[in-house]
Amino acid sequence: MSSTSDTVEVAFITPRHLAGGGDPAWITVPLHRASGWSHGDDPMMPRVLLSSPDQKALLRLEPDPDGQWWTLHHTAEPGRPAWYASFGARTPVELIAAFTDTLTDPAPPAAESHDPFGPLRQVAWNHPAIGADGLVSPDGTAYVQRLGSAEEPGSWFVTATLAPNRPPVWQARFGAHTPPHLVTAFTAALVDPEPVYRTVGEQRLPTLNPNLVARKYVDVPAVSLAAALEDRVRSLAARPAGTPTAPIPARHSPPQRGHSR
């Protein structure tokens, strides 16, 4: 059904890792307004920089057709060397937001008590037919690997692809010293079965193959769509300090009211 001036046609897409990148504001606005990260930009370059209040973390959003668009660097701390995370352009913002929401949680869980493979095993991901330590999704369009060995663990790689031996749709990379609870937040969001919504044209989706993605169209009230980001900011800003919480699943989709097809 066509949208009206009071509604916006939204596509709810599964699996979420093939929904395309989405709106970067889903990440940058809450970091600035809810978590106090300062922002800057370079008028000569199409990039955005956000730094944490303690100046230990720097998030760079820099469109790069040959590399990762999102890169977060964190300085060394007592007991942990410096670490990094990076995300390709088509990494859904909901997955990156799960990572940054957990990073900025004022009462994070114990950093060493999480296994990033755990959420994948719970939904029956299988071992891939490759040498590296990893798991692959049942439909074969995503896999998670950790390089290195049991004695010397290495970096994590999360890859979305449309078929074996095809170039990645996107890839997320986490350095060997990235806190495991942050990587786990990302993998938990990766396998979350709730659809993510997109309002841009279908040309932004990595594929329209109905065997790989499902799309449900809903005419959502425009006011509800506009309020989704504000609701997300308020929710994050209200997180209490001192009470450990589970990673926010980065859903916050607009209510699925109105007409669907």
Protein backbone atom coordinates (compact mmCIF):
# COMPACT_ATOMS: atom_id res chain seq x y z
CA MET A 1 0.00 0.00 0.00
CA SER A 2 1.28 3.46 -0.82
CA SER A 3 2.36 5.74 1.98
CA THR A 4 0.42 8.88 2.78
CA SER A 5 1.59 12.16 4.28
CA ASP A 6 0.86 10.65 7.72
CA THR A 7 2.58 7.32 7.15
CA VAL A 8 5.89 6.02 5.89
CA GLU A 9 6.27 2.71 4.11
CA VAL A 10 8.80 0.60 5.99
CA ALA A 11 10.28 -2.75 5.03
CA PHE A 12 10.91 -5.13 7.92
CA ILE A 13 13.73 -7.43 6.82
CA THR A 14 15.09 -10.78 7.92
CA PRO A 15 17.75 -11.98 8.31
CA ARG A 16 18.98 -8.72 9.71
CA HIS A 17 22.57 -9.19 8.54
CA LEU A 18 21.37 -8.80 4.93
CA ALA A 19 19.31 -5.65 5.54
CA GLY A 20 21.99 -3.15 4.48
CA GLY A 21 23.69 -0.53 6.60
CA GLY A 22 20.79 1.69 7.72
CA ASP A 23 20.97 5.17 9.21
CA PRO A 24 24.32 6.01 10.89
CA ALA A 25 22.45 8.35 13.26
CA TRP A 26 21.22 5.23 15.08
CA ILE A 27 24.78 5.01 16.44
CA THR A 28 26.20 8.52 16.38
CA VAL A 29 23.29 10.43 17.92
CA PRO A 30 22.98 8.25 21.07
CA LEU A 31 26.75 8.25 21.55
CA HIS A 32 26.70 12.04 21.57
CA ARG A 33 23.43 12.79 23.36
CA ALA A 34 23.06 9.82 25.71
CA SER A 35 26.69 8.95 26.45
CA GLY A 36 28.41 12.33 26.18
CA TRP A 37 30.80 11.55 23.34
CA SER A 38 32.15 14.68 21.71
CA HIS A 39 31.95 14.97 17.96
CA GLY A 40 33.91 16.62 15.23
CA ASP A 41 34.28 16.52 11.50
CA ASP A 42 36.69 17.60 8.86
CA PRO A 43 35.15 20.10 6.40
CA MET A 44 37.63 18.87 3.79
CA MET A 45 36.79 15.17 4.29
CA PRO A 46 33.47 13.25 4.40
CA ARG A 47 34.07 11.79 7.84
CA VAL A 48 32.78 12.02 11.41
CA LEU A 49 34.81 11.58 14.58
CA LEU A 50 33.37 10.80 18.01
CA SER A 51 35.48 10.54 21.16
CA SER A 52 34.48 9.18 24.55
CA PRO A 53 34.34 11.49 27.58
CA ASP A 54 37.48 9.88 29.02
CA GLN A 55 39.24 10.25 25.64
CA LYS A 56 40.10 6.54 25.62
CA ALA A 57 37.93 5.62 22.64
CA LEU A 58 37.69 7.21 19.21
CA LEU A 59 35.06 6.20 16.66
CA ARG A 60 35.70 7.20 13.08
CA LEU A 61 33.04 7.04 10.37
CA GLU A 62 34.84 7.49 7.08
CA PRO A 63 33.30 6.31 3.78
CA ASP A 64 35.97 4.21 2.13
CA PRO A 65 35.06 2.03 -0.87
CA ASP A 66 38.14 -0.12 -0.28
CA GLY A 67 37.99 -0.54 3.50
CA GLN A 68 36.00 -0.54 6.70
CA TRP A 69 33.70 2.50 7.10
CA TRP A 70 33.45 2.37 10.87
CA THR A 71 36.59 2.05 13.02
CA LEU A 72 36.82 2.28 16.81
CA HIS A 73 40.19 2.47 18.54
CA HIS A 74 40.54 2.16 22.30
CA THR A 75 43.71 3.02 24.22
CA ALA A 76 45.43 0.59 26.56
CA GLU A 77 44.20 0.22 30.13
CA PRO A 78 45.61 -1.59 33.17
CA GLY A 79 45.49 -5.28 32.35
CA ARG A 80 44.40 -4.82 28.71
CA PRO A 81 46.41 -3.63 25.70
CA ALA A 82 44.92 -1.24 23.16
CA TRP A 83 42.22 -2.76 20.98
CA TYR A 84 40.11 -1.97 17.95
CA ALA A 85 36.88 -2.87 16.16
CA SER A 86 35.88 -2.07 12.59
CA PHE A 87 32.76 -2.54 10.47
CA GLY A 88 32.10 -2.50 6.74
CA ALA A 89 29.68 -0.08 5.11
CA ARG A 90 26.80 -2.54 4.86
CA THR A 91 27.08 -3.76 8.45
CA PRO A 92 23.57 -3.12 9.86
CA VAL A 93 23.63 -0.24 12.32
CA GLU A 94 21.59 -2.32 14.77
CA LEU A 95 24.54 -4.71 15.14
CA ILE A 96 27.09 -1.93 15.57
CA ALA A 97 24.75 -0.26 18.06
CA ALA A 98 24.66 -3.42 20.17
CA PHE A 99 28.45 -3.13 20.39
CA THR A 100 28.55 0.60 21.20
CA ASP A 101 25.61 0.38 23.61
CA THR A 102 27.48 -2.27 25.59
CA LEU A 103 30.72 -0.28 25.42
CA THR A 104 29.00 2.77 26.92
CA ASP A 105 26.95 0.86 29.51
CA PRO A 106 27.60 2.56 32.87
CA ALA A 107 27.34 -0.85 34.58
CA PRO A 108 28.89 -3.35 32.14
CA PRO A 109 29.03 -7.08 32.85
CA ALA A 110 32.31 -8.76 33.71
CA ALA A 111 34.41 -8.49 30.58
CA GLU A 112 35.91 -11.99 30.75
CA SER A 113 32.71 -13.97 31.40
CA HIS A 114 31.40 -14.09 27.84
CA ASP A 115 31.89 -16.38 24.86
CA PRO A 116 31.08 -14.74 21.51
CA PHE A 117 30.30 -18.17 20.06
CA GLY A 118 27.65 -18.75 22.75
CA PRO A 119 24.73 -16.91 21.06
CA LEU A 120 25.54 -18.72 17.80
CA ARG A 121 25.50 -22.19 19.33
CA GLN A 122 22.12 -21.46 20.92
CA VAL A 123 20.57 -21.09 17.45
CA ALA A 124 22.31 -24.09 15.91
CA TRP A 125 25.12 -22.47 13.94
CA ASN A 126 27.49 -25.17 12.66
CA HIS A 127 31.23 -25.53 12.36
CA PRO A 128 32.37 -24.37 8.91
CA ALA A 129 34.24 -26.62 6.56
CA ILE A 130 37.39 -24.52 6.87
CA GLY A 131 40.42 -24.75 9.07
CA ALA A 132 39.85 -21.70 11.25
CA ASP A 133 37.94 -21.84 14.51
CA GLY A 134 34.44 -20.66 13.66
CA LEU A 135 30.73 -21.20 13.14
CA VAL A 136 28.48 -20.66 10.12
CA SER A 137 24.79 -19.77 9.99
CA PRO A 138 22.29 -22.47 8.90
CA ASP A 139 21.63 -20.63 5.61
CA GLY A 140 25.34 -20.23 4.91
CA THR A 141 25.20 -16.42 4.57
CA ALA A 142 27.16 -15.50 7.70
CA TYR A 143 30.07 -16.91 9.62
CA VAL A 144 32.12 -15.99 12.67
CA GLN A 145 35.76 -16.97 13.03
CA ARG A 146 38.53 -16.49 15.53
CA LEU A 147 42.06 -16.71 14.27
CA GLY A 148 45.06 -17.81 16.29
CA SER A 149 45.25 -20.78 18.65
CA ALA A 150 44.04 -21.80 22.09
CA GLU A 151 47.39 -20.74 23.50
CA GLU A 152 47.45 -17.45 21.59
CA PRO A 153 43.94 -16.35 20.50
CA GLY A 154 43.79 -13.85 17.67
CA SER A 155 41.33 -11.49 16.05
CA TRP A 156 37.62 -12.11 15.45
CA PHE A 157 36.07 -11.85 11.98
CA VAL A 158 32.32 -11.73 11.33
CA THR A 159 31.42 -11.98 7.66
CA ALA A 160 28.14 -11.76 5.75
CA THR A 161 28.09 -13.19 2.24
CA LEU A 162 25.53 -14.18 -0.38
CA ALA A 163 27.22 -17.45 -1.34
CA PRO A 164 30.43 -19.38 -0.69
CA ASN A 165 33.46 -17.96 -2.45
CA ARG A 166 31.64 -14.68 -3.13
CA PRO A 167 33.01 -11.32 -1.94
CA PRO A 168 31.72 -10.35 1.51
CA VAL A 169 28.63 -8.16 1.78
CA TRP A 170 30.25 -6.77 4.91
CA GLN A 171 32.79 -7.76 7.50
CA ALA A 172 33.26 -6.83 11.14
CA ARG A 173 36.69 -7.22 12.71
CA PHE A 174 37.64 -7.24 16.38
CA GLY A 175 41.23 -7.19 17.58
CA ALA A 176 42.53 -9.98 19.77
CA HIS A 177 42.27 -7.79 22.87
CA THR A 178 38.73 -6.50 22.27
CA PRO A 179 36.76 -7.24 25.47
CA PRO A 180 34.82 -10.47 24.84
CA HIS A 181 31.56 -9.11 26.25
CA LEU A 182 31.56 -6.49 23.46
CA VAL A 183 32.09 -9.10 20.75
CA THR A 184 29.36 -11.21 22.38
CA ALA A 185 26.96 -8.26 22.26
CA PHE A 186 27.60 -8.07 18.51
CA THR A 187 27.09 -11.79 17.89
CA ALA A 188 23.92 -11.79 20.01
CA ALA A 189 22.52 -8.96 17.88
CA LEU A 190 23.62 -10.82 14.75
CA VAL A 191 21.37 -13.81 15.54
CA ASP A 192 18.47 -11.84 17.01
CA PRO A 193 15.45 -13.06 15.00
CA GLU A 194 13.59 -9.74 15.20
CA PRO A 195 13.46 -7.98 11.82
CA VAL A 196 15.12 -4.63 11.31
CA TYR A 197 13.39 -1.89 9.36
CA ARG A 198 14.55 0.15 6.43
CA THR A 199 12.86 3.12 4.77
CA VAL A 200 15.27 3.59 1.86
CA GLY A 201 14.75 2.10 -1.58
CA GLU A 202 15.36 -1.54 -2.22
CA GLN A 203 18.41 -0.73 -4.29
CA ARG A 204 20.28 -0.36 -0.99
CA LEU A 205 19.71 -4.00 -0.02
CA PRO A 206 22.55 -6.42 -0.79
CA THR A 207 20.07 -8.82 -2.40
CA LEU A 208 16.38 -9.14 -3.24
CA ASN A 209 16.60 -12.94 -3.54
CA PRO A 210 13.48 -14.23 -1.73
CA ASN A 211 15.39 -17.40 -0.89
CA LEU A 212 17.80 -15.32 1.21
CA VAL A 213 15.75 -12.40 2.56
CA ALA A 214 12.16 -11.87 3.62
CA ARG A 215 10.52 -8.43 3.48
CA LYS A 216 7.28 -7.33 5.09
CA TYR A 217 5.99 -3.89 4.15
CA VAL A 218 4.15 -1.82 6.74
CA ASP A 219 2.79 1.72 6.57
CA VAL A 220 4.03 3.13 9.86
CA PRO A 221 2.77 6.43 11.31
CA ALA A 222 5.37 9.05 10.50
CA VAL A 223 5.35 10.34 14.08
CA SER A 224 6.20 6.86 15.38
CA LEU A 225 9.08 6.53 12.97
CA ALA A 226 10.44 9.94 13.95
CA ALA A 227 10.12 9.08 17.64
CA ALA A 228 12.10 5.82 17.41
CA LEU A 229 15.52 7.50 17.63
CA GLU A 230 14.37 9.83 20.43
CA ASP A 231 13.06 6.84 22.37
CA ARG A 232 16.38 5.09 21.90
CA VAL A 233 18.33 8.11 23.17
CA ARG A 234 16.10 8.43 26.25
CA SER A 235 16.38 4.71 27.01
CA LEU A 236 20.17 4.76 26.87
CA ALA A 237 20.47 7.99 28.84
CA ALA A 238 18.33 6.48 31.62
CA ARG A 239 20.54 3.44 32.18
CA PRO A 240 21.45 3.26 35.86
CA ALA A 241 25.04 3.01 37.03
CA GLY A 242 26.07 0.28 39.40
CA THR A 243 23.51 -2.34 38.37
CA PRO A 244 24.84 -4.82 35.79
CA THR A 245 22.51 -5.22 32.85
CA ALA A 246 22.36 -7.43 29.79
CA PRO A 247 23.50 -5.86 26.51
CA ILE A 248 20.75 -3.76 24.93
CA PRO A 249 19.57 -5.72 21.88
CA ALA A 250 19.42 -2.58 19.72
CA ARG A 251 15.90 -3.25 18.50
CA HIS A 252 13.78 -0.16 19.11
CA SER A 253 11.94 -0.63 15.84
CA PRO A 254 8.96 1.61 15.16
CA PRO A 255 5.70 0.00 16.21
CA GLN A 256 4.25 -2.12 13.44
CA ARG A 257 0.92 -0.36 13.32
CA GLY A 258 -1.02 0.60 10.24
CA HIS A 259 -1.44 -1.30 7.02
CA SER A 260 0.84 -4.10 5.93
CA ARG A 261 1.34 -6.07 2.80
